[in-house]
């Protein structure tokens, strides 16, 4: 059985005055097993005019790392709940800053 590494993303919503305190906490309290890697990512979310994707719990977004690498992500519920663990996400490299609806 082969297992692939998986990303674990934890999202935080912080007030601007809490960011420095949080960064200090991470620097002091986390043992790093590999060198830190820092990227600046820009994410653009897309929806219909009537927000039908949002209403269905679907997220369509494009992520850009600033070097011309564009990734389209489609995330949707995979069950009765909207918990992160019950969601499915498809990720595909695309050629532009516009969604490729054939992939979605």
Protein backbone atom coordinates (compact mmCIF):
# COMPACT_ATOMS: atom_id res chain seq x y z
CA UNK A 1 0.00 0.00 0.00
CA UNK A 2 1.44 3.36 -1.05
CA UNK A 3 0.53 6.50 0.79
CA UNK A 4 1.06 9.95 -0.65
CA UNK A 5 1.90 12.95 1.52
CA UNK A 6 -1.13 15.10 2.19
CA UNK A 7 -1.37 18.80 2.88
CA UNK A 8 -3.03 19.90 6.06
CA UNK A 9 -4.23 23.46 5.87
CA UNK A 10 -5.44 25.24 8.94
CA UNK A 11 -6.98 28.62 8.31
CA UNK A 12 -7.00 31.35 10.91
CA UNK A 13 -8.92 34.59 10.95
CA UNK A 14 -6.95 37.10 13.01
CA UNK A 15 -7.33 40.77 13.76
CA UNK A 16 -4.34 42.76 12.47
CA UNK A 17 -3.03 43.34 16.00
CA UNK A 18 -3.02 39.57 16.67
CA UNK A 19 -0.84 38.56 13.71
CA UNK A 20 2.55 39.44 15.26
CA UNK A 21 1.65 37.67 18.50
CA UNK A 22 0.60 34.57 16.58
CA UNK A 23 3.80 34.56 14.49
CA UNK A 24 5.89 34.89 17.67
CA UNK A 25 4.03 31.99 19.25
CA UNK A 26 4.68 29.80 16.22
CA UNK A 27 8.37 30.71 16.08
CA UNK A 28 8.89 29.91 19.76
CA UNK A 29 6.71 26.85 20.12
CA UNK A 30 7.06 24.77 16.99
CA UNK A 31 9.84 22.31 16.28
CA UNK A 32 10.48 22.38 12.54
CA UNK A 33 11.44 19.09 10.94
CA UNK A 34 12.19 20.74 7.61
CA UNK A 35 13.24 24.20 6.50
CA UNK A 36 10.52 26.81 6.50
CA UNK A 37 9.11 27.70 3.13
CA UNK A 38 7.29 30.97 2.61
CA UNK A 39 5.08 31.84 -0.37
CA UNK A 40 2.76 34.70 -1.08
CA UNK A 41 -0.40 33.30 -2.61
CA UNK A 42 -3.25 35.21 -4.20
CA UNK A 43 -6.61 33.47 -4.32
CA UNK A 44 -9.55 34.68 -6.38
CA UNK A 45 -13.00 33.21 -5.74
CA UNK A 46 -15.59 32.89 -8.51
CA UNK A 47 -19.37 32.48 -8.36
CA UNK A 48 -22.46 33.18 -10.42
CA UNK A 49 -24.32 36.49 -10.13
CA UNK A 50 -26.96 34.82 -7.97
CA UNK A 51 -24.33 33.07 -5.75
CA UNK A 52 -25.55 29.61 -6.70
CA UNK A 53 -22.16 28.00 -6.03
CA UNK A 54 -22.08 29.48 -2.52
CA UNK A 55 -25.66 28.37 -1.88
CA UNK A 56 -24.69 24.81 -2.90
CA UNK A 57 -21.62 24.86 -0.65
CA UNK A 58 -19.27 24.80 -3.65
CA UNK A 59 -16.11 26.86 -3.88
CA UNK A 60 -14.42 27.67 -7.23
CA UNK A 61 -11.16 29.54 -6.92
CA UNK A 62 -7.86 30.21 -8.63
CA UNK A 63 -4.62 30.40 -6.67
CA UNK A 64 -1.54 32.18 -8.02
CA UNK A 65 1.88 31.99 -6.36
CA UNK A 66 3.14 35.11 -8.12
CA UNK A 67 5.41 33.29 -10.58
CA UNK A 68 2.78 32.59 -13.21
CA UNK A 69 1.70 29.27 -11.71
CA UNK A 70 -2.11 29.13 -11.60
CA UNK A 71 -4.04 26.39 -9.83
CA UNK A 72 -7.80 25.98 -10.08
CA UNK A 73 -9.50 24.47 -7.05
CA UNK A 74 -13.05 23.20 -6.83
CA UNK A 75 -14.26 22.21 -3.38
CA UNK A 76 -17.65 20.77 -2.55
CA UNK A 77 -19.46 18.93 0.25
CA UNK A 78 -19.11 15.17 0.39
CA UNK A 79 -21.92 14.32 2.74
CA UNK A 80 -24.54 15.78 5.00
CA UNK A 81 -22.24 18.18 6.86
CA UNK A 82 -20.07 21.09 5.80
CA UNK A 83 -17.12 20.15 8.02
CA UNK A 84 -13.70 20.42 6.37
CA UNK A 85 -13.17 16.67 6.73
CA UNK A 86 -16.37 16.03 4.76
CA UNK A 87 -15.31 18.08 1.75
CA UNK A 88 -13.73 17.00 -1.53
CA UNK A 89 -11.29 19.23 -3.37
CA UNK A 90 -10.04 18.94 -6.93
CA UNK A 91 -6.91 20.82 -7.87
CA UNK A 92 -5.60 21.31 -11.41
CA UNK A 93 -2.96 23.55 -12.98
CA UNK A 94 -4.45 25.97 -15.51
CA UNK A 95 -2.88 28.30 -18.08
CA UNK A 96 -4.51 31.60 -17.15
CA UNK A 97 -6.06 33.66 -14.37
CA UNK A 98 -9.55 32.68 -15.54
CA UNK A 99 -11.34 29.47 -14.54
CA UNK A 100 -11.32 26.57 -16.98
CA UNK A 101 -14.95 25.44 -16.73
CA UNK A 102 -14.21 22.27 -18.68
CA UNK A 103 -12.18 21.13 -15.66
CA UNK A 104 -14.80 22.22 -13.16
